[in-house]
Amino acid sequence: MPITVQQMKEKFVEWGLSNPKKWRGCTQEEIDRAMQAQGVTFLPAFYREYLLEIGYEVIRTIFQGEDCTCEWLPSLKNMMKENMAFLEVPFTLPQDAFVFFAHQGAIFSYFHTGEQDEDPAVFVWADTREPPVQRYDHLTDFYQEAIDLKEWRLSRKNK
């Protein structure tokens, strides 16, 4: 069963890492701006809900220091394209790609939007001359792994 945004929020509370009264999601305008900047017209419902409900909260909980909030989304696709061009990667980022995550401007994750798949595969490119690879079968798998990894780190910290 794929992870839900509600389950993610419950984990944040369980871990004591955030206060639900202070949760901040992205605005619809921010989401629209990101979609326009990346040239896409569709985002999966799970991802939209995630952005609207906890789009900024993830920085304090599971993605500390990563570029994945609405303030970064409009620029991520161009950042990835620029890095690929600089390295002369023999791959062109598909037009329907939505780049939703970057790690220190060197590792980028994206999904395709053209098929309007509600739980699309996730591709990762790691700042090399190699083309991106499919790392996750589903977008929800990406977030499930992030939750699992955070839970593992917290369990190790508490030992």
N, C-alpha and C. Protein backbone atom coordinates (compact mmCIF):
# COMPACT_ATOMS: atom_id res chain seq x y z
N MET A 1 0.84 -1.19 0.00
CA MET A 1 0.00 0.00 0.00
C MET A 1 0.88 1.25 0.00
N PRO A 2 0.71 2.15 -0.94
CA PRO A 2 1.55 3.35 -1.00
C PRO A 2 1.36 4.25 0.22
N ILE A 3 2.42 4.93 0.58
CA ILE A 3 2.35 5.87 1.70
C ILE A 3 1.42 7.02 1.32
N THR A 4 0.76 7.58 2.32
CA THR A 4 -0.11 8.73 2.10
C THR A 4 0.48 9.95 2.79
N VAL A 5 0.00 11.10 2.42
CA VAL A 5 0.44 12.33 3.07
C VAL A 5 0.03 12.29 4.54
N GLN A 6 -1.14 11.76 4.84
CA GLN A 6 -1.59 11.66 6.23
C GLN A 6 -0.63 10.81 7.05
N GLN A 7 -0.16 9.70 6.50
CA GLN A 7 0.79 8.85 7.21
C GLN A 7 2.11 9.59 7.45
N MET A 8 2.53 10.38 6.48
CA MET A 8 3.75 11.16 6.66
C MET A 8 3.57 12.15 7.81
N LYS A 9 2.45 12.84 7.84
CA LYS A 9 2.18 13.81 8.89
C LYS A 9 2.15 13.12 10.26
N GLU A 10 1.57 11.94 10.32
CA GLU A 10 1.52 11.19 11.59
C GLU A 10 2.92 10.84 12.07
N LYS A 11 3.80 10.50 11.15
CA LYS A 11 5.19 10.20 11.52
C LYS A 11 5.88 11.44 12.07
N PHE A 12 5.68 12.59 11.46
CA PHE A 12 6.30 13.82 11.94
C PHE A 12 5.91 14.08 13.40
N VAL A 13 4.63 13.86 13.71
CA VAL A 13 4.13 14.07 15.07
C VAL A 13 4.72 13.01 16.00
N GLU A 14 4.66 11.75 15.58
CA GLU A 14 5.19 10.64 16.38
C GLU A 14 6.65 10.88 16.75
N TRP A 15 7.44 11.37 15.81
CA TRP A 15 8.86 11.61 16.05
C TRP A 15 9.11 12.86 16.89
N GLY A 16 8.09 13.69 17.06
CA GLY A 16 8.25 14.92 17.82
C GLY A 16 9.13 15.95 17.13
N LEU A 17 9.21 15.87 15.82
CA LEU A 17 10.08 16.77 15.06
C LEU A 17 9.39 18.03 14.58
N SER A 18 8.09 18.05 14.67
CA SER A 18 7.40 19.25 14.19
C SER A 18 6.06 19.40 14.89
N ASN A 19 5.58 20.62 14.89
CA ASN A 19 4.32 20.97 15.53
C ASN A 19 3.26 21.17 14.44
N PRO A 20 2.22 20.35 14.42
CA PRO A 20 1.19 20.48 13.37
C PRO A 20 0.61 21.88 13.26
N LYS A 21 0.59 22.64 14.34
CA LYS A 21 0.04 23.99 14.29
C LYS A 21 0.93 24.94 13.47
N LYS A 22 2.17 24.53 13.27
CA LYS A 22 3.11 25.37 12.53
C LYS A 22 3.39 24.86 11.13
N TRP A 23 2.72 23.79 10.73
CA TRP A 23 2.96 23.24 9.40
C TRP A 23 2.61 24.25 8.32
N ARG A 24 3.44 24.29 7.31
CA ARG A 24 3.23 25.22 6.22
C ARG A 24 3.32 24.47 4.90
N GLY A 25 2.28 24.57 4.14
CA GLY A 25 2.29 23.99 2.81
C GLY A 25 2.55 25.06 1.78
N CYS A 26 2.70 24.63 0.56
CA CYS A 26 2.87 25.56 -0.56
C CYS A 26 1.50 26.12 -0.93
N THR A 27 1.48 27.27 -1.51
CA THR A 27 0.22 27.82 -2.01
C THR A 27 -0.04 27.27 -3.40
N GLN A 28 -1.28 27.34 -3.83
CA GLN A 28 -1.61 26.91 -5.19
C GLN A 28 -0.85 27.76 -6.21
N GLU A 29 -0.67 29.03 -5.90
CA GLU A 29 0.07 29.91 -6.80
C GLU A 29 1.52 29.45 -6.95
N GLU A 30 2.13 29.04 -5.85
CA GLU A 30 3.51 28.54 -5.92
C GLU A 30 3.59 27.26 -6.76
N ILE A 31 2.61 26.40 -6.60
CA ILE A 31 2.58 25.16 -7.39
C ILE A 31 2.40 25.48 -8.86
N ASP A 32 1.48 26.38 -9.16
CA ASP A 32 1.25 26.79 -10.56
C ASP A 32 2.51 27.40 -11.16
N ARG A 33 3.21 28.22 -10.39
CA ARG A 33 4.45 28.85 -10.87
C ARG A 33 5.52 27.79 -11.18
N ALA A 34 5.63 26.79 -10.31
CA ALA A 34 6.60 25.71 -10.54
C ALA A 34 6.25 24.92 -11.79
N MET A 35 4.98 24.62 -11.96
CA MET A 35 4.55 23.87 -13.14
C MET A 35 4.82 24.67 -14.41
N GLN A 36 4.50 25.93 -14.38
CA GLN A 36 4.73 26.79 -15.55
C GLN A 36 6.22 26.88 -15.86
N ALA A 37 7.04 27.09 -14.84
CA ALA A 37 8.48 27.21 -15.04
C ALA A 37 9.09 25.92 -15.61
N GLN A 38 8.52 24.79 -15.21
CA GLN A 38 9.03 23.51 -15.70
C GLN A 38 8.31 23.02 -16.95
N GLY A 39 7.32 23.76 -17.40
CA GLY A 39 6.65 23.44 -18.65
C GLY A 39 5.78 22.20 -18.61
N VAL A 40 5.13 21.97 -17.46
CA VAL A 40 4.23 20.81 -17.34
C VAL A 40 2.83 21.28 -16.97
N THR A 41 1.85 20.46 -17.28
CA THR A 41 0.45 20.82 -16.98
C THR A 41 -0.22 19.83 -16.03
N PHE A 42 0.54 18.83 -15.57
CA PHE A 42 -0.03 17.80 -14.70
C PHE A 42 0.95 17.48 -13.58
N LEU A 43 0.41 17.29 -12.37
CA LEU A 43 1.16 16.72 -11.25
C LEU A 43 0.26 15.68 -10.58
N PRO A 44 0.84 14.57 -10.13
CA PRO A 44 0.03 13.54 -9.46
C PRO A 44 -0.68 14.10 -8.23
N ALA A 45 -1.86 13.57 -7.94
CA ALA A 45 -2.66 14.04 -6.81
C ALA A 45 -1.89 13.92 -5.49
N PHE A 46 -1.19 12.81 -5.29
CA PHE A 46 -0.41 12.63 -4.05
C PHE A 46 0.60 13.76 -3.90
N TYR A 47 1.30 14.08 -4.97
CA TYR A 47 2.33 15.10 -4.90
C TYR A 47 1.72 16.49 -4.67
N ARG A 48 0.59 16.77 -5.30
CA ARG A 48 -0.10 18.04 -5.07
C ARG A 48 -0.51 18.17 -3.60
N GLU A 49 -1.10 17.10 -3.07
CA GLU A 49 -1.53 17.10 -1.66
C GLU A 49 -0.31 17.31 -0.74
N TYR A 50 0.76 16.59 -1.04
CA TYR A 50 2.00 16.72 -0.28
C TYR A 50 2.47 18.18 -0.26
N LEU A 51 2.51 18.83 -1.42
CA LEU A 51 2.94 20.22 -1.49
C LEU A 51 2.01 21.14 -0.73
N LEU A 52 0.71 20.98 -0.92
CA LEU A 52 -0.27 21.85 -0.27
C LEU A 52 -0.28 21.71 1.25
N GLU A 53 -0.07 20.49 1.74
CA GLU A 53 -0.19 20.23 3.18
C GLU A 53 1.12 20.41 3.95
N ILE A 54 2.22 19.91 3.38
CA ILE A 54 3.49 19.91 4.12
C ILE A 54 4.67 20.29 3.24
N GLY A 55 4.43 21.04 2.21
CA GLY A 55 5.46 21.36 1.24
C GLY A 55 6.70 22.03 1.79
N TYR A 56 6.58 22.75 2.90
CA TYR A 56 7.75 23.36 3.52
C TYR A 56 8.18 22.58 4.77
N GLU A 57 7.28 21.84 5.35
CA GLU A 57 7.56 21.12 6.59
C GLU A 57 8.64 20.05 6.42
N VAL A 58 8.74 19.48 5.23
CA VAL A 58 9.68 18.39 5.01
C VAL A 58 11.13 18.81 5.25
N ILE A 59 11.42 20.09 5.12
CA ILE A 59 12.79 20.57 5.35
C ILE A 59 13.20 20.36 6.80
N ARG A 60 12.27 20.48 7.73
CA ARG A 60 12.58 20.29 9.15
C ARG A 60 12.48 18.83 9.57
N THR A 61 11.99 17.98 8.71
CA THR A 61 11.74 16.61 9.16
C THR A 61 12.55 15.57 8.40
N ILE A 62 12.28 15.38 7.11
CA ILE A 62 12.96 14.30 6.40
C ILE A 62 13.97 14.75 5.36
N PHE A 63 13.89 15.96 4.88
CA PHE A 63 14.80 16.41 3.82
C PHE A 63 15.58 17.65 4.24
N GLN A 64 16.29 17.57 5.33
CA GLN A 64 17.03 18.72 5.83
C GLN A 64 18.15 19.08 4.86
N GLY A 65 18.12 20.31 4.39
CA GLY A 65 19.17 20.80 3.51
C GLY A 65 18.99 20.46 2.04
N GLU A 66 17.89 19.85 1.68
CA GLU A 66 17.66 19.48 0.28
C GLU A 66 16.84 20.57 -0.40
N ASP A 67 16.93 20.63 -1.71
CA ASP A 67 16.17 21.60 -2.50
C ASP A 67 14.92 20.89 -3.03
N CYS A 68 13.81 21.08 -2.33
CA CYS A 68 12.59 20.36 -2.73
C CYS A 68 11.31 21.10 -2.34
N THR A 69 11.43 22.32 -1.84
CA THR A 69 10.24 23.08 -1.47
C THR A 69 9.82 23.96 -2.64
N CYS A 70 8.66 24.56 -2.51
CA CYS A 70 8.11 25.36 -3.62
C CYS A 70 9.01 26.52 -4.02
N GLU A 71 9.81 27.02 -3.11
CA GLU A 71 10.71 28.11 -3.49
C GLU A 71 11.78 27.63 -4.47
N TRP A 72 12.13 26.35 -4.44
CA TRP A 72 13.15 25.79 -5.33
C TRP A 72 12.58 25.19 -6.61
N LEU A 73 11.37 24.68 -6.56
CA LEU A 73 10.82 23.92 -7.69
C LEU A 73 10.88 24.64 -9.04
N PRO A 74 10.60 25.95 -9.12
CA PRO A 74 10.66 26.59 -10.43
C PRO A 74 12.03 26.53 -11.10
N SER A 75 13.10 26.45 -10.33
CA SER A 75 14.44 26.50 -10.91
C SER A 75 15.12 25.14 -11.07
N LEU A 76 14.57 24.08 -10.49
CA LEU A 76 15.27 22.80 -10.48
C LEU A 76 15.50 22.21 -11.87
N LYS A 77 14.52 22.32 -12.75
CA LYS A 77 14.68 21.73 -14.08
C LYS A 77 15.80 22.42 -14.85
N ASN A 78 15.84 23.74 -14.77
CA ASN A 78 16.92 24.47 -15.45
C ASN A 78 18.28 24.18 -14.82
N MET A 79 18.32 24.05 -13.51
CA MET A 79 19.58 23.70 -12.84
C MET A 79 20.09 22.36 -13.36
N MET A 80 19.20 21.39 -13.46
CA MET A 80 19.59 20.07 -13.93
C MET A 80 20.07 20.14 -15.39
N LYS A 81 19.33 20.86 -16.22
CA LYS A 81 19.72 21.00 -17.63
C LYS A 81 21.09 21.67 -17.76
N GLU A 82 21.33 22.70 -16.97
CA GLU A 82 22.62 23.40 -17.02
C GLU A 82 23.76 22.48 -16.61
N ASN A 83 23.56 21.70 -15.56
CA ASN A 83 24.60 20.76 -15.14
C ASN A 83 24.86 19.71 -16.21
N MET A 84 23.79 19.23 -16.83
CA MET A 84 23.94 18.22 -17.88
C MET A 84 24.68 18.80 -19.09
N ALA A 85 24.36 20.03 -19.45
CA ALA A 85 25.03 20.67 -20.58
C ALA A 85 26.51 20.90 -20.27
N PHE A 86 26.82 21.34 -19.07
CA PHE A 86 28.20 21.58 -18.67
C PHE A 86 29.03 20.30 -18.76
N LEU A 87 28.44 19.18 -18.34
CA LEU A 87 29.14 17.89 -18.37
C LEU A 87 29.03 17.19 -19.73
N GLU A 88 28.30 17.83 -20.65
CA GLU A 88 28.09 17.27 -21.99
C GLU A 88 27.52 15.85 -21.92
N VAL A 89 26.50 15.71 -21.10
CA VAL A 89 25.81 14.43 -20.95
C VAL A 89 25.06 14.11 -22.24
N PRO A 90 25.25 12.92 -22.78
CA PRO A 90 24.57 12.56 -24.03
C PRO A 90 23.12 12.13 -23.80
N PHE A 91 22.37 12.99 -23.15
CA PHE A 91 20.98 12.71 -22.79
C PHE A 91 20.26 14.04 -22.71
N THR A 92 19.05 14.08 -23.21
CA THR A 92 18.23 15.29 -23.11
C THR A 92 17.10 15.02 -22.12
N LEU A 93 16.96 15.89 -21.17
CA LEU A 93 15.88 15.76 -20.19
C LEU A 93 14.55 15.86 -20.93
N PRO A 94 13.66 14.88 -20.75
CA PRO A 94 12.37 14.92 -21.46
C PRO A 94 11.56 16.18 -21.11
N GLN A 95 10.85 16.68 -22.09
CA GLN A 95 10.03 17.88 -21.91
C GLN A 95 9.01 17.70 -20.78
N ASP A 96 8.47 16.48 -20.63
CA ASP A 96 7.43 16.25 -19.63
C ASP A 96 7.99 15.94 -18.24
N ALA A 97 9.31 16.06 -18.08
CA ALA A 97 9.91 15.79 -16.77
C ALA A 97 9.58 16.91 -15.79
N PHE A 98 9.28 16.52 -14.55
CA PHE A 98 9.12 17.49 -13.47
C PHE A 98 10.19 17.16 -12.44
N VAL A 99 11.17 18.04 -12.30
CA VAL A 99 12.27 17.84 -11.36
C VAL A 99 11.79 18.34 -10.00
N PHE A 100 11.73 17.43 -9.04
CA PHE A 100 11.11 17.76 -7.75
C PHE A 100 12.07 17.72 -6.58
N PHE A 101 13.31 17.34 -6.82
CA PHE A 101 14.23 17.14 -5.70
C PHE A 101 15.66 17.29 -6.19
N ALA A 102 16.47 18.00 -5.41
CA ALA A 102 17.89 18.11 -5.71
C ALA A 102 18.68 18.03 -4.41
N HIS A 103 19.79 17.32 -4.48
CA HIS A 103 20.69 17.21 -3.34
C HIS A 103 21.96 17.97 -3.68
N GLN A 104 22.15 19.10 -3.02
CA GLN A 104 23.33 19.95 -3.18
C GLN A 104 23.64 20.28 -4.64
N GLY A 105 22.59 20.42 -5.45
CA GLY A 105 22.76 20.80 -6.84
C GLY A 105 23.50 19.78 -7.69
N ALA A 106 23.63 18.56 -7.17
CA ALA A 106 24.40 17.54 -7.88
C ALA A 106 23.61 16.26 -8.17
N ILE A 107 22.62 15.97 -7.36
CA ILE A 107 21.79 14.78 -7.57
C ILE A 107 20.35 15.27 -7.74
N PHE A 108 19.75 14.92 -8.86
CA PHE A 108 18.40 15.41 -9.18
C PHE A 108 17.46 14.23 -9.35
N SER A 109 16.22 14.40 -8.90
CA SER A 109 15.18 13.39 -9.07
C SER A 109 14.02 14.01 -9.82
N TYR A 110 13.43 13.23 -10.74
CA TYR A 110 12.30 13.73 -11.52
C TYR A 110 11.36 12.59 -11.88
N PHE A 111 10.15 12.97 -12.29
CA PHE A 111 9.19 12.01 -12.82
C PHE A 111 8.59 12.59 -14.09
N HIS A 112 8.04 11.70 -14.90
CA HIS A 112 7.38 12.12 -16.14
C HIS A 112 5.93 12.50 -15.85
N THR A 113 5.43 13.51 -16.53
CA THR A 113 4.06 13.96 -16.33
C THR A 113 3.16 13.71 -17.54
N GLY A 114 3.75 13.39 -18.67
CA GLY A 114 3.00 13.26 -19.92
C GLY A 114 1.93 12.19 -19.93
N GLU A 115 2.19 11.09 -19.24
CA GLU A 115 1.22 10.00 -19.18
C GLU A 115 0.14 10.24 -18.13
N GLN A 116 0.32 11.28 -17.34
CA GLN A 116 -0.59 11.61 -16.24
C GLN A 116 -0.79 10.44 -15.28
N ASP A 117 0.32 9.76 -15.01
CA ASP A 117 0.35 8.65 -14.06
C ASP A 117 0.25 9.22 -12.65
N GLU A 118 -0.65 8.70 -11.85
CA GLU A 118 -0.84 9.21 -10.49
C GLU A 118 0.26 8.77 -9.52
N ASP A 119 1.05 7.76 -9.88
CA ASP A 119 2.16 7.33 -9.04
C ASP A 119 3.33 6.92 -9.96
N PRO A 120 3.92 7.91 -10.62
CA PRO A 120 4.93 7.63 -11.66
C PRO A 120 6.26 7.13 -11.11
N ALA A 121 7.04 6.54 -11.99
CA ALA A 121 8.40 6.13 -11.66
C ALA A 121 9.25 7.39 -11.42
N VAL A 122 10.29 7.23 -10.63
CA VAL A 122 11.21 8.34 -10.32
C VAL A 122 12.58 8.00 -10.89
N PHE A 123 13.14 8.97 -11.60
CA PHE A 123 14.45 8.84 -12.21
C PHE A 123 15.42 9.74 -11.46
N VAL A 124 16.67 9.28 -11.35
CA VAL A 124 17.69 10.02 -10.62
C VAL A 124 18.91 10.19 -11.51
N TRP A 125 19.46 11.41 -11.48
CA TRP A 125 20.70 11.69 -12.19
C TRP A 125 21.69 12.25 -11.19
N ALA A 126 22.90 11.69 -11.20
CA ALA A 126 23.89 12.01 -10.16
C ALA A 126 25.10 12.77 -10.69
N ASP A 127 24.89 13.82 -11.46
CA ASP A 127 25.96 14.74 -11.87
C ASP A 127 27.15 14.01 -12.49
N THR A 128 26.85 13.10 -13.40
CA THR A 128 27.89 12.38 -14.13
C THR A 128 27.58 12.48 -15.62
N ARG A 129 28.41 11.90 -16.42
CA ARG A 129 28.16 11.88 -17.86
C ARG A 129 27.17 10.77 -18.23
N GLU A 130 26.76 10.00 -17.26
CA GLU A 130 25.80 8.91 -17.49
C GLU A 130 24.38 9.47 -17.49
N PRO A 131 23.49 8.86 -18.26
CA PRO A 131 22.09 9.32 -18.25
C PRO A 131 21.40 8.94 -16.94
N PRO A 132 20.27 9.56 -16.65
CA PRO A 132 19.51 9.23 -15.44
C PRO A 132 19.08 7.76 -15.45
N VAL A 133 18.85 7.25 -14.25
CA VAL A 133 18.37 5.87 -14.12
C VAL A 133 17.07 5.87 -13.32
N GLN A 134 16.22 4.90 -13.62
CA GLN A 134 15.00 4.76 -12.83
C GLN A 134 15.39 4.16 -11.48
N ARG A 135 15.14 4.90 -10.42
CA ARG A 135 15.53 4.46 -9.07
C ARG A 135 14.35 3.92 -8.28
N TYR A 136 13.16 4.42 -8.57
CA TYR A 136 11.95 4.00 -7.85
C TYR A 136 10.86 3.68 -8.86
N ASP A 137 10.10 2.66 -8.58
CA ASP A 137 8.97 2.31 -9.46
C ASP A 137 7.85 3.33 -9.34
N HIS A 138 7.76 3.95 -8.17
CA HIS A 138 6.66 4.88 -7.90
C HIS A 138 7.15 6.08 -7.09
N LEU A 139 6.52 7.21 -7.29
CA LEU A 139 6.82 8.41 -6.52
C LEU A 139 6.61 8.16 -5.03
N THR A 140 5.57 7.43 -4.68
CA THR A 140 5.33 7.14 -3.26
C THR A 140 6.45 6.29 -2.66
N ASP A 141 7.12 5.47 -3.49
CA ASP A 141 8.27 4.68 -3.00
C ASP A 141 9.41 5.62 -2.56
N PHE A 142 9.60 6.69 -3.31
CA PHE A 142 10.63 7.69 -2.96
C PHE A 142 10.36 8.24 -1.55
N TYR A 143 9.12 8.62 -1.30
CA TYR A 143 8.78 9.19 0.01
C TYR A 143 8.76 8.13 1.10
N GLN A 144 8.33 6.92 0.78
CA GLN A 144 8.36 5.84 1.77
C GLN A 144 9.79 5.58 2.21
N GLU A 145 10.72 5.54 1.26
CA GLU A 145 12.12 5.32 1.62
C GLU A 145 12.65 6.45 2.49
N ALA A 146 12.27 7.67 2.19
CA ALA A 146 12.71 8.81 3.01
C ALA A 146 12.21 8.67 4.44
N ILE A 147 10.95 8.28 4.59
CA ILE A 147 10.37 8.07 5.93
C ILE A 147 11.09 6.93 6.64
N ASP A 148 11.29 5.82 5.94
CA ASP A 148 11.97 4.66 6.53
C ASP A 148 13.39 5.00 6.97
N LEU A 149 14.10 5.75 6.15
CA LEU A 149 15.47 6.13 6.47
C LEU A 149 15.51 7.05 7.69
N LYS A 150 14.58 8.01 7.75
CA LYS A 150 14.53 8.91 8.91
C LYS A 150 14.21 8.11 10.17
N GLU A 151 13.28 7.18 10.06
CA GLU A 151 12.92 6.36 11.22
C GLU A 151 14.12 5.53 11.69
N TRP A 152 14.86 4.97 10.75
CA TRP A 152 16.05 4.19 11.09
C TRP A 152 17.08 5.08 11.79
N ARG A 153 17.31 6.28 11.24
CA ARG A 153 18.28 7.19 11.86
C ARG A 153 17.88 7.58 13.27
N LEU A 154 16.59 7.83 13.46
CA LEU A 154 16.12 8.19 14.81
C LEU A 154 16.27 7.03 15.77
N SER A 155 16.03 5.82 15.31
CA SER A 155 16.16 4.64 16.19
C SER A 155 17.63 4.43 16.58
N ARG A 156 18.54 4.71 15.68
CA ARG A 156 19.98 4.57 15.97
C ARG A 156 20.42 5.66 16.94
N LYS A 157 19.85 6.85 16.80
CA LYS A 157 20.20 7.97 17.65
C LYS A 157 19.74 7.72 19.09
N ASN A 158 18.63 7.02 19.24
CA ASN A 158 18.05 6.79 20.56
C ASN A 158 18.64 5.56 21.26
N LYS A 159 19.62 4.92 20.66
CA LYS A 159 20.22 3.73 21.29
C LYS A 159 21.35 4.11 22.19
